[in-house]
């Protein structure tokens, strides 16, 4: 009897111990799940286009390098200007004549100051300043090119995120239709031809879904490249499992916060905006100005240059202290110092026609840069025309898609009411749902194409304030 009681108590203690472990394990598991959910929430955020552009400007090397390029060109300009600062030269030497034990020491200090030169530091400084401005303008141009590419990729990825629900619904509908067709074929409600058609339609749907997920991967890689940092798009996966496995990368949902309607004005309006803001035209103007500076420098090299000089000469030496004769008296160590000041005028009477050739080259360069600007202007107008008419076409298509989407939505609402009262079957209702989803898919494609065209037109105009977001 005692043995039975002891055995029962032993079993009871084991049960209590296991229950405690299970309870602790359950608590720790729940805490782990909560912590994981919090961690995922911290790694998930929203991202607007403006934020993406600011991130790219901060981290992309091709943007940051222009800061140092401008500093480099600024120092080159300062080098040109330094020609108007005094130039001081110190020379010293030791000499000794043969047969003379005395050593002579000489020190010479010369200071030179350029007063004026027609082809001097001021003209070269002006030219270097224009080169620095060109580098700065090229940096702005690089920023706008990066912004343009980022806008296109951002909108494509935003479209893919918006289409994820439709793709998931398409996947479920394709699986359901395939199962229905398989059951109908097994019970001989349909022939093999109908079954093969259903199977082909299912494979087409799976192909479209695979293309969609491949587009997500490609779009994500493009967005990572132009932003300059790794991210992953927040997309619910219907078919492909484990497409994005790195939990350490920030997961983002893209937000397009543009609320203005896309409208068009006359072509002349966009031409005038481009003439004021396009960097290519600004660079062309600077290059014409630099060519004119070359012309002034070539002409000024034939004119006189005025400068000031000042110097100090110090010499110390000695003689033979042991020589004493009537015709050669004793001489002692000596030293002397002289000062000199002067003003100089330098004028090349003939330089071998070098300045004339430089002047002719500068004339040719001016004409070349003017023609280059005209060509650039024509290319800008052509690019604006292409972007303008492409936007006009896609805008018309989007208006038509908008009407189709409205019709599909009205048909869906009507068929839903009919299905609720029993006028149509569920199959017919599912067809209307599928039609609305496809209409929304195509509408979103058209809207994204129109938005990309609008941003492309703004880029071709140089992103003026009137077209910037």
Protein backbone atom coordinates (compact mmCIF):
# COMPACT_ATOMS: atom_id res chain seq x y z
CA UNK A 1 0.00 0.00 0.00
CA UNK A 2 2.81 2.36 0.96
CA UNK A 3 4.54 1.59 -2.31
CA UNK A 4 1.42 2.57 -4.27
CA UNK A 5 1.11 5.86 -2.41
CA UNK A 6 4.79 6.66 -3.00
CA UNK A 7 4.44 5.81 -6.72
CA UNK A 8 1.35 8.04 -7.05
CA UNK A 9 3.13 10.93 -5.32
CA UNK A 10 6.13 10.44 -7.62
CA UNK A 11 3.97 10.51 -10.75
CA UNK A 12 2.15 13.62 -9.48
CA UNK A 13 5.44 15.47 -8.92
CA UNK A 14 6.62 14.59 -12.42
CA UNK A 15 3.34 15.90 -13.86
CA UNK A 16 3.64 19.20 -11.93
CA UNK A 17 7.26 19.63 -13.04
CA UNK A 18 6.41 19.03 -16.72
CA UNK A 19 3.46 21.43 -16.52
CA UNK A 20 5.75 24.16 -15.15
CA UNK A 21 8.26 23.61 -17.95
CA UNK A 22 5.48 23.71 -20.54
CA UNK A 23 4.10 26.92 -19.05
CA UNK A 24 7.52 28.60 -19.03
CA UNK A 25 8.18 27.43 -22.58
CA UNK A 26 4.80 28.76 -23.72
CA UNK A 27 5.48 32.13 -22.08
CA UNK A 28 8.95 32.39 -23.60
CA UNK A 29 7.56 31.38 -27.01
CA UNK A 30 4.88 34.08 -26.87
CA UNK A 31 7.47 36.65 -25.83
CA UNK A 32 9.73 35.54 -28.68
CA UNK A 33 6.87 35.90 -31.17
CA UNK A 34 6.04 39.37 -29.84
CA UNK A 35 9.68 40.42 -30.06
CA UNK A 36 9.89 39.10 -33.61
CA UNK A 37 6.77 41.05 -34.58
CA UNK A 38 8.20 44.21 -33.02
CA UNK A 39 11.49 43.66 -34.86
CA UNK A 40 9.67 43.24 -38.14
CA UNK A 41 7.69 46.41 -37.46
CA UNK A 42 10.93 48.28 -36.86
CA UNK A 43 12.36 46.98 -40.13
CA UNK A 44 9.29 48.03 -42.11
CA UNK A 45 8.66 51.61 -43.11
CA UNK A 46 7.16 53.74 -45.85
CA UNK A 47 9.20 55.62 -48.43
CA UNK A 48 8.18 58.58 -50.56
CA UNK A 49 9.86 59.65 -53.78
CA UNK A 50 11.27 62.78 -52.15
CA UNK A 51 12.85 60.70 -49.38
CA UNK A 52 14.34 58.27 -51.90
CA UNK A 53 15.90 61.16 -53.84
CA UNK A 54 17.38 62.69 -50.68
CA UNK A 55 18.88 59.34 -49.69
CA UNK A 56 20.42 58.93 -53.15
CA UNK A 57 21.92 62.44 -53.02
CA UNK A 58 23.56 61.62 -49.67
CA UNK A 59 25.09 58.24 -50.49
CA UNK A 60 25.73 58.01 -54.25
CA UNK A 61 29.46 58.44 -55.03
CA UNK A 62 28.86 60.08 -58.41
CA UNK A 63 27.01 62.88 -56.58
CA UNK A 64 29.44 63.31 -53.70
CA UNK A 65 32.50 63.50 -55.95
CA UNK A 66 31.34 66.82 -57.44
CA UNK A 67 31.88 68.52 -54.10
CA UNK A 68 35.58 67.71 -54.37
CA UNK A 69 35.64 68.48 -58.09
CA UNK A 70 34.34 71.99 -57.38
CA UNK A 71 36.94 72.45 -54.65
CA UNK A 72 39.65 71.32 -57.07
CA UNK A 73 38.60 73.80 -59.74
CA UNK A 74 38.35 76.53 -57.07
CA UNK A 75 41.98 75.93 -56.12
CA UNK A 76 42.98 76.10 -59.79
CA UNK A 77 41.34 79.55 -59.95
CA UNK A 78 43.26 80.64 -56.85
CA UNK A 79 46.49 79.46 -58.50
CA UNK A 80 45.80 81.75 -61.43
CA UNK A 81 45.10 84.70 -59.12
CA UNK A 82 48.30 84.13 -57.12
CA UNK A 83 50.28 85.73 -59.96
CA UNK A 84 49.38 89.14 -58.49
CA UNK A 85 50.95 88.32 -55.14
CA UNK A 86 54.61 89.34 -54.51
CA UNK A 87 57.25 86.83 -55.54
CA UNK A 88 60.27 86.72 -53.20
CA UNK A 89 63.44 84.82 -54.16
CA UNK A 90 66.42 84.12 -51.91
CA UNK A 91 69.73 82.97 -53.40
CA UNK A 92 73.00 82.37 -51.59
CA UNK A 93 76.43 81.10 -52.58
CA UNK A 94 79.97 80.44 -51.48
CA UNK A 95 82.89 81.10 -53.80
CA UNK A 96 86.64 80.72 -53.54
CA UNK A 97 89.27 81.83 -56.04
CA UNK A 98 92.20 79.61 -56.88
CA UNK A 99 95.33 80.55 -54.99
CA UNK A 100 93.28 82.74 -52.64
CA UNK A 101 92.56 81.26 -49.21
CA UNK A 102 89.78 83.77 -48.62
CA UNK A 103 86.18 82.53 -48.88
CA UNK A 104 83.50 84.84 -50.25
CA UNK A 105 79.88 84.61 -49.12
CA UNK A 106 77.03 86.10 -51.13
CA UNK A 107 73.33 86.43 -50.28
CA UNK A 108 70.80 87.95 -52.67
CA UNK A 109 67.10 88.66 -51.94
CA UNK A 110 64.85 89.81 -54.80
CA UNK A 111 61.18 90.80 -54.50
CA UNK A 112 59.05 91.14 -57.65
CA UNK A 113 55.54 92.56 -57.88
CA UNK A 114 53.44 92.45 -61.04
CA UNK A 115 51.60 95.73 -61.46
CA UNK A 116 49.51 94.98 -64.53
CA UNK A 117 49.43 92.60 -67.46
CA UNK A 118 46.84 92.51 -70.21
CA UNK A 119 47.17 88.71 -70.36
CA UNK A 120 47.94 88.22 -66.70
CA UNK A 121 46.45 86.59 -63.63
CA UNK A 122 43.14 88.48 -63.66
CA UNK A 123 42.18 87.21 -67.11
CA UNK A 124 43.31 83.67 -66.28
CA UNK A 125 41.41 83.83 -62.98
CA UNK A 126 38.20 84.81 -64.78
CA UNK A 127 38.64 81.86 -67.13
CA UNK A 128 39.31 79.46 -64.24
CA UNK A 129 36.22 80.75 -62.41
CA UNK A 130 34.08 79.92 -65.42
CA UNK A 131 35.55 76.41 -65.48
CA UNK A 132 34.63 76.06 -61.80
CA UNK A 133 31.07 77.16 -62.58
CA UNK A 134 30.90 74.55 -65.35
CA UNK A 135 31.91 71.84 -62.87
CA UNK A 136 29.22 73.04 -60.46
CA UNK A 137 26.59 73.04 -63.23
CA UNK A 138 27.65 69.53 -64.28
CA UNK A 139 27.09 68.44 -60.67
CA UNK A 140 23.53 69.81 -60.81
CA UNK A 141 23.03 68.04 -64.13
CA UNK A 142 24.23 64.74 -62.62
CA UNK A 143 21.76 65.17 -59.76
CA UNK A 144 18.87 65.70 -62.15
CA UNK A 145 19.86 62.67 -64.24
CA UNK A 146 19.92 60.55 -61.08
CA UNK A 147 16.57 61.97 -60.03
CA UNK A 148 15.09 61.18 -63.43
CA UNK A 149 16.21 57.54 -63.33
CA UNK A 150 15.07 57.18 -59.73
CA UNK A 151 11.64 58.60 -60.53
CA UNK A 152 11.10 56.05 -63.30
CA UNK A 153 12.23 53.10 -61.17
CA UNK A 154 10.26 54.33 -58.15
CA UNK A 155 7.03 54.56 -60.16
CA UNK A 156 7.56 51.12 -61.68
CA UNK A 157 8.10 49.58 -58.24
CA UNK A 158 5.13 51.49 -56.85
CA UNK A 159 2.97 50.07 -59.63
CA UNK A 160 4.17 46.54 -58.86
CA UNK A 161 3.27 46.97 -55.22
CA UNK A 162 -0.18 48.22 -56.15
CA UNK A 163 -0.69 45.22 -58.43
CA UNK A 164 0.21 42.63 -55.79
CA UNK A 165 -3.41 42.18 -54.60
CA UNK A 166 -4.60 41.67 -58.16
CA UNK A 167 -1.83 39.13 -58.80
CA UNK A 168 -2.72 37.25 -55.64
CA UNK A 169 -6.37 37.16 -56.69
CA UNK A 170 -5.32 36.00 -60.17
CA UNK A 171 -3.27 33.17 -58.65
CA UNK A 172 -6.15 32.00 -56.47
CA UNK A 173 -8.62 32.23 -59.34
CA UNK A 174 -6.29 30.29 -61.66
CA UNK A 175 -5.86 27.52 -59.06
CA UNK A 176 -9.58 27.36 -58.44
CA UNK A 177 -10.44 27.26 -62.17
CA UNK A 178 -7.89 24.50 -62.75
CA UNK A 179 -9.34 22.38 -59.93
CA UNK A 180 -12.86 22.85 -61.25
CA UNK A 181 -11.78 21.91 -64.76
CA UNK A 182 -9.94 18.85 -63.45
CA UNK A 183 -13.00 17.63 -61.50
CA UNK A 184 -15.29 18.31 -64.45
CA UNK A 185 -12.97 16.32 -66.72
CA UNK A 186 -12.76 13.43 -64.28
CA UNK A 187 -16.55 13.06 -64.09
CA UNK A 188 -16.80 13.43 -67.88
CA UNK A 189 -18.66 16.73 -67.80
CA UNK A 190 -16.11 18.16 -70.26
CA UNK A 191 -14.03 16.58 -72.97
CA UNK A 192 -10.25 16.48 -73.17
CA UNK A 193 -10.14 19.50 -75.45
CA UNK A 194 -11.78 21.69 -72.80
CA UNK A 195 -9.46 20.29 -70.15
CA UNK A 196 -6.40 21.10 -72.25
CA UNK A 197 -7.71 24.64 -72.82
CA UNK A 198 -8.13 25.09 -69.07
CA UNK A 199 -4.64 23.72 -68.46
CA UNK A 200 -3.21 26.09 -71.08
CA UNK A 201 -5.03 29.06 -69.52
CA UNK A 202 -3.63 28.07 -66.11
CA UNK A 203 -0.08 27.92 -67.48
CA UNK A 204 -0.55 31.33 -69.09
CA UNK A 205 -1.66 32.74 -65.75
CA UNK A 206 1.35 31.18 -63.99
CA UNK A 207 3.62 32.62 -66.66
CA UNK A 208 2.20 36.10 -66.06
CA UNK A 209 2.67 35.67 -62.31
CA UNK A 210 6.27 34.52 -62.77
CA UNK A 211 6.94 37.54 -64.98
CA UNK A 212 5.41 39.74 -62.30
CA UNK A 213 7.74 38.42 -59.58
CA UNK A 214 10.74 38.65 -61.89
CA UNK A 215 9.77 42.27 -62.49
CA UNK A 216 9.68 42.82 -58.73
CA UNK A 217 13.20 41.41 -58.34
CA UNK A 218 14.53 43.51 -61.23
CA UNK A 219 12.76 46.66 -60.04
CA UNK A 220 14.06 46.17 -56.51
CA UNK A 221 17.64 45.81 -57.76
CA UNK A 222 17.28 48.96 -59.86
CA UNK A 223 15.87 50.88 -56.91
CA UNK A 224 18.75 49.67 -54.72
CA UNK A 225 21.28 50.80 -57.33
CA UNK A 226 19.89 54.29 -57.85
CA UNK A 227 19.24 54.83 -54.13
CA UNK A 228 22.66 53.51 -53.17
CA UNK A 229 21.52 51.25 -50.34
CA UNK A 230 19.88 47.81 -50.01
CA UNK A 231 16.13 47.62 -49.46
CA UNK A 232 13.34 45.17 -50.18
CA UNK A 233 9.87 45.92 -51.45
CA UNK A 234 6.95 44.98 -49.23
CA UNK A 235 5.01 42.63 -51.48
CA UNK A 236 2.72 39.79 -50.43
CA UNK A 237 3.73 36.58 -52.17
CA UNK A 238 1.09 34.37 -53.68
CA UNK A 239 3.04 31.71 -55.52
CA UNK A 240 6.74 32.27 -54.89
CA UNK A 241 7.69 31.52 -51.29
CA UNK A 242 10.86 32.87 -49.74
CA UNK A 243 11.51 35.36 -52.52
CA UNK A 244 12.96 37.86 -50.05
CA UNK A 245 14.78 36.09 -47.21
CA UNK A 246 17.11 38.74 -45.72
CA UNK A 247 15.35 40.03 -42.61
CA UNK A 248 18.16 42.52 -41.90
CA UNK A 249 17.30 44.68 -44.92
CA UNK A 250 14.79 47.47 -44.48
CA UNK A 251 11.40 46.54 -45.92
CA UNK A 252 9.60 49.48 -47.50
CA UNK A 253 6.20 50.32 -48.87
CA UNK A 254 6.47 52.97 -51.56
CA UNK A 255 4.16 55.98 -51.30
CA UNK A 256 3.29 58.11 -54.30
CA UNK A 257 1.90 61.32 -52.81
CA UNK A 258 1.29 63.19 -56.05
CA UNK A 259 -2.23 64.60 -56.06
CA UNK A 260 -2.08 67.04 -58.98
CA UNK A 261 -3.69 66.07 -62.25
CA UNK A 262 -1.43 65.60 -65.24
CA UNK A 263 -2.16 68.38 -67.69
CA UNK A 264 -0.49 69.73 -70.81
CA UNK A 265 0.22 73.25 -71.99
CA UNK A 266 1.61 74.53 -75.27
CA UNK A 267 5.00 73.41 -76.52
CA UNK A 268 6.27 76.99 -76.41
CA UNK A 269 5.66 77.06 -72.67
CA UNK A 270 7.97 74.07 -72.15
CA UNK A 271 10.57 75.55 -74.54
CA UNK A 272 10.71 78.73 -72.44
CA UNK A 273 11.12 76.72 -69.22
CA UNK A 274 13.98 74.72 -70.72
CA UNK A 275 15.76 77.86 -71.93
CA UNK A 276 15.87 79.13 -68.35
CA UNK A 277 16.76 75.96 -66.46
CA UNK A 278 18.48 73.45 -68.76
CA UNK A 279 22.08 72.86 -67.63
CA UNK A 280 23.33 72.04 -71.14
CA UNK A 281 22.51 75.58 -72.30
CA UNK A 282 24.19 77.10 -69.23
CA UNK A 283 27.33 75.06 -69.88
CA UNK A 284 27.29 76.13 -73.55
CA UNK A 285 27.12 79.81 -72.49
CA UNK A 286 30.08 79.34 -70.13
CA UNK A 287 32.15 77.67 -72.86
CA UNK A 288 31.46 80.58 -75.22
CA UNK A 289 32.59 82.99 -72.49
CA UNK A 290 35.77 80.93 -71.95
CA UNK A 291 36.53 81.07 -75.67
CA UNK A 292 36.17 84.88 -75.54
CA UNK A 293 38.58 84.94 -72.58
CA UNK A 294 41.08 83.02 -74.70
CA UNK A 295 40.70 85.70 -77.36
CA UNK A 296 41.38 88.51 -74.85
CA UNK A 297 44.41 86.66 -73.47
CA UNK A 298 45.82 86.13 -76.97
CA UNK A 299 45.45 89.84 -77.77
CA UNK A 300 46.79 90.91 -74.37
CA UNK A 301 49.95 88.87 -74.78
CA UNK A 302 51.10 91.42 -77.42
CA UNK A 303 50.71 94.33 -75.00
CA UNK A 304 53.24 95.50 -72.37
CA UNK A 305 53.58 94.22 -68.83
CA UNK A 306 54.53 96.51 -65.95
CA UNK A 307 56.21 95.32 -62.75
CA UNK A 308 58.23 96.44 -59.73
CA UNK A 309 61.45 94.89 -58.41
CA UNK A 310 63.49 95.37 -55.21
CA UNK A 311 66.62 93.57 -54.07
CA UNK A 312 69.32 93.31 -51.44
CA UNK A 313 72.84 92.00 -52.18
CA UNK A 314 75.09 91.08 -49.27
CA UNK A 315 78.73 89.99 -49.84
CA UNK A 316 81.34 89.04 -47.22
CA UNK A 317 84.99 88.03 -47.84
CA UNK A 318 88.66 88.50 -46.76
CA UNK A 319 92.34 88.75 -47.91
CA UNK A 320 95.81 87.34 -47.01
CA UNK A 321 96.53 88.41 -43.41
CA UNK A 322 100.25 87.32 -43.61
CA UNK A 323 101.25 89.27 -46.73
CA UNK A 324 103.07 92.50 -45.92
CA UNK A 325 105.00 94.38 -48.60
CA UNK A 326 105.53 97.95 -49.76
CA UNK A 327 103.59 97.61 -53.00
CA UNK A 328 100.83 95.43 -51.47
CA UNK A 329 99.67 96.75 -48.13
CA UNK A 330 97.96 94.58 -45.58
CA UNK A 331 94.25 94.05 -46.24
CA UNK A 332 91.58 92.91 -43.79
CA UNK A 333 88.28 91.00 -44.06
CA UNK A 334 85.51 93.08 -45.65
CA UNK A 335 81.78 92.91 -46.45
CA UNK A 336 79.31 95.16 -48.16
CA UNK A 337 75.55 95.40 -48.76
CA UNK A 338 73.70 97.06 -51.65
CA UNK A 339 70.01 97.86 -52.14
CA UNK A 340 68.29 98.32 -55.47
CA UNK A 341 64.78 99.28 -56.56
CA UNK A 342 63.31 99.47 -60.01
CA UNK A 343 60.28 99.48 -62.28
CA UNK A 344 60.22 97.29 -65.36
CA UNK A 345 58.35 97.42 -68.65
CA UNK A 346 58.25 94.27 -70.76
CA UNK A 347 56.87 94.39 -74.28
CA UNK A 348 57.18 91.69 -76.88
CA UNK A 349 57.64 93.54 -80.11
CA UNK A 350 57.46 90.33 -82.14
CA UNK A 351 56.61 86.88 -80.78
CA UNK A 352 56.91 84.92 -83.98
CA UNK A 353 53.18 85.42 -84.76
CA UNK A 354 52.32 83.14 -81.83
CA UNK A 355 49.71 85.51 -80.40
CA UNK A 356 48.17 85.91 -83.85
CA UNK A 357 47.73 82.15 -84.19
CA UNK A 358 46.26 81.97 -80.68
CA UNK A 359 43.83 84.76 -81.57
CA UNK A 360 42.70 82.96 -84.73
CA UNK A 361 42.26 79.72 -82.75
CA UNK A 362 40.15 81.60 -80.18
CA UNK A 363 37.96 83.04 -82.98
CA UNK A 364 37.39 79.54 -84.36
CA UNK A 365 36.63 78.22 -80.87
CA UNK A 366 34.01 80.93 -80.30
CA UNK A 367 32.24 80.04 -83.55
CA UNK A 368 32.43 76.33 -82.70
CA UNK A 369 30.91 76.84 -79.24
CA UNK A 370 28.13 79.03 -80.65
CA UNK A 371 27.21 76.33 -83.17
CA UNK A 372 27.43 73.72 -80.43
CA UNK A 373 24.94 75.71 -78.37
CA UNK A 374 22.58 75.94 -81.35
CA UNK A 375 22.83 72.18 -81.83
CA UNK A 376 22.21 71.60 -78.12
CA UNK A 377 19.19 73.88 -78.28
CA UNK A 378 17.73 71.90 -81.16
CA UNK A 379 18.32 68.60 -79.37
CA UNK A 380 16.59 69.92 -76.26
CA UNK A 381 13.59 71.00 -78.30
CA UNK A 382 13.47 67.60 -79.99
CA UNK A 383 13.63 65.79 -76.65
CA UNK A 384 10.83 68.01 -75.31
CA UNK A 385 8.71 67.26 -78.36
CA UNK A 386 9.16 63.49 -77.94
CA UNK A 387 8.30 63.64 -74.24
CA UNK A 388 5.37 65.99 -74.90
CA UNK A 389 3.68 63.87 -77.55
CA UNK A 390 4.39 60.62 -75.69
CA UNK A 391 2.67 62.08 -72.64
CA UNK A 392 -0.21 63.26 -74.80
CA UNK A 393 -0.69 59.75 -76.24
CA UNK A 394 -0.45 57.96 -72.90
CA UNK A 395 -2.78 60.50 -71.33
CA UNK A 396 -5.44 59.76 -73.98
CA UNK A 397 -4.95 56.02 -73.44
CA UNK A 398 -5.27 56.44 -69.67
CA UNK A 399 -8.52 58.37 -70.07
CA UNK A 400 -9.86 55.42 -72.12
CA UNK A 401 -8.59 52.95 -69.49
CA UNK A 402 -10.27 55.04 -66.84
CA UNK A 403 -13.58 54.70 -68.67
CA UNK A 404 -13.04 50.92 -69.01
CA UNK A 405 -12.27 50.65 -65.29
CA UNK A 406 -15.42 52.57 -64.42
CA UNK A 407 -17.49 50.31 -66.67
CA UNK A 408 -15.92 47.18 -65.17
CA UNK A 409 -16.58 48.46 -61.65
CA UNK A 410 -20.21 49.26 -62.46
CA UNK A 411 -20.59 45.80 -64.00
CA UNK A 412 -19.08 44.26 -60.86
CA UNK A 413 -21.47 46.14 -58.58
CA UNK A 414 -24.45 45.16 -60.74
CA UNK A 415 -23.47 41.48 -60.90
CA UNK A 416 -22.88 41.42 -57.16
CA UNK A 417 -26.47 42.54 -56.62
CA UNK A 418 -27.69 39.96 -59.14
CA UNK A 419 -25.66 37.24 -57.45
CA UNK A 420 -27.09 38.17 -54.05
CA UNK A 421 -30.67 37.84 -55.33
CA UNK A 422 -29.86 34.71 -57.32
CA UNK A 423 -30.19 36.03 -60.87
CA UNK A 424 -26.70 34.85 -61.89
CA UNK A 425 -24.45 32.01 -60.83
CA UNK A 426 -21.22 32.35 -58.92
CA UNK A 427 -19.28 31.49 -62.06
CA UNK A 428 -20.74 34.51 -63.85
CA UNK A 429 -20.03 36.69 -60.82
CA UNK A 430 -16.42 35.47 -60.70
CA UNK A 431 -16.06 36.40 -64.37
CA UNK A 432 -17.09 39.99 -63.58
CA UNK A 433 -14.63 40.05 -60.66
CA UNK A 434 -11.86 38.82 -62.95
CA UNK A 435 -12.78 41.42 -65.57
CA UNK A 436 -12.60 44.20 -62.99
CA UNK A 437 -9.22 42.98 -61.72
CA UNK A 438 -7.77 42.89 -65.21
CA UNK A 439 -9.23 46.32 -65.97
CA UNK A 440 -7.63 47.68 -62.80
CA UNK A 441 -4.33 46.02 -63.72
CA UNK A 442 -4.33 47.65 -67.16
CA UNK A 443 -5.53 50.98 -65.72
CA UNK A 444 -2.62 50.99 -63.29
CA UNK A 445 -0.22 50.24 -66.15
CA UNK A 446 -1.62 53.18 -68.10
CA UNK A 447 -1.50 55.52 -65.12
CA UNK A 448 2.11 54.63 -64.33
CA UNK A 449 3.15 55.14 -67.95
CA UNK A 450 1.46 58.56 -67.93
CA UNK A 451 3.17 59.57 -64.66
CA UNK A 452 6.57 58.46 -65.95
CA UNK A 453 5.99 60.49 -69.13
CA UNK A 454 5.10 63.53 -67.03
CA UNK A 455 8.32 63.22 -65.02
CA UNK A 456 10.27 62.70 -68.25
CA UNK A 457 8.85 65.94 -69.66
CA UNK A 458 9.85 67.75 -66.47
CA UNK A 459 13.37 66.32 -66.78
CA UNK A 460 13.70 67.39 -70.42
CA UNK A 461 12.76 70.92 -69.31
CA UNK A 462 15.42 70.87 -66.57
CA UNK A 463 13.05 70.34 -63.62
CA UNK A 464 11.83 73.94 -63.36
CA UNK A 465 9.89 74.97 -60.25
CA UNK A 466 6.69 75.05 -62.28
CA UNK A 467 6.99 71.30 -63.04
CA UNK A 468 8.84 70.10 -59.94
CA UNK A 469 7.05 68.29 -57.17
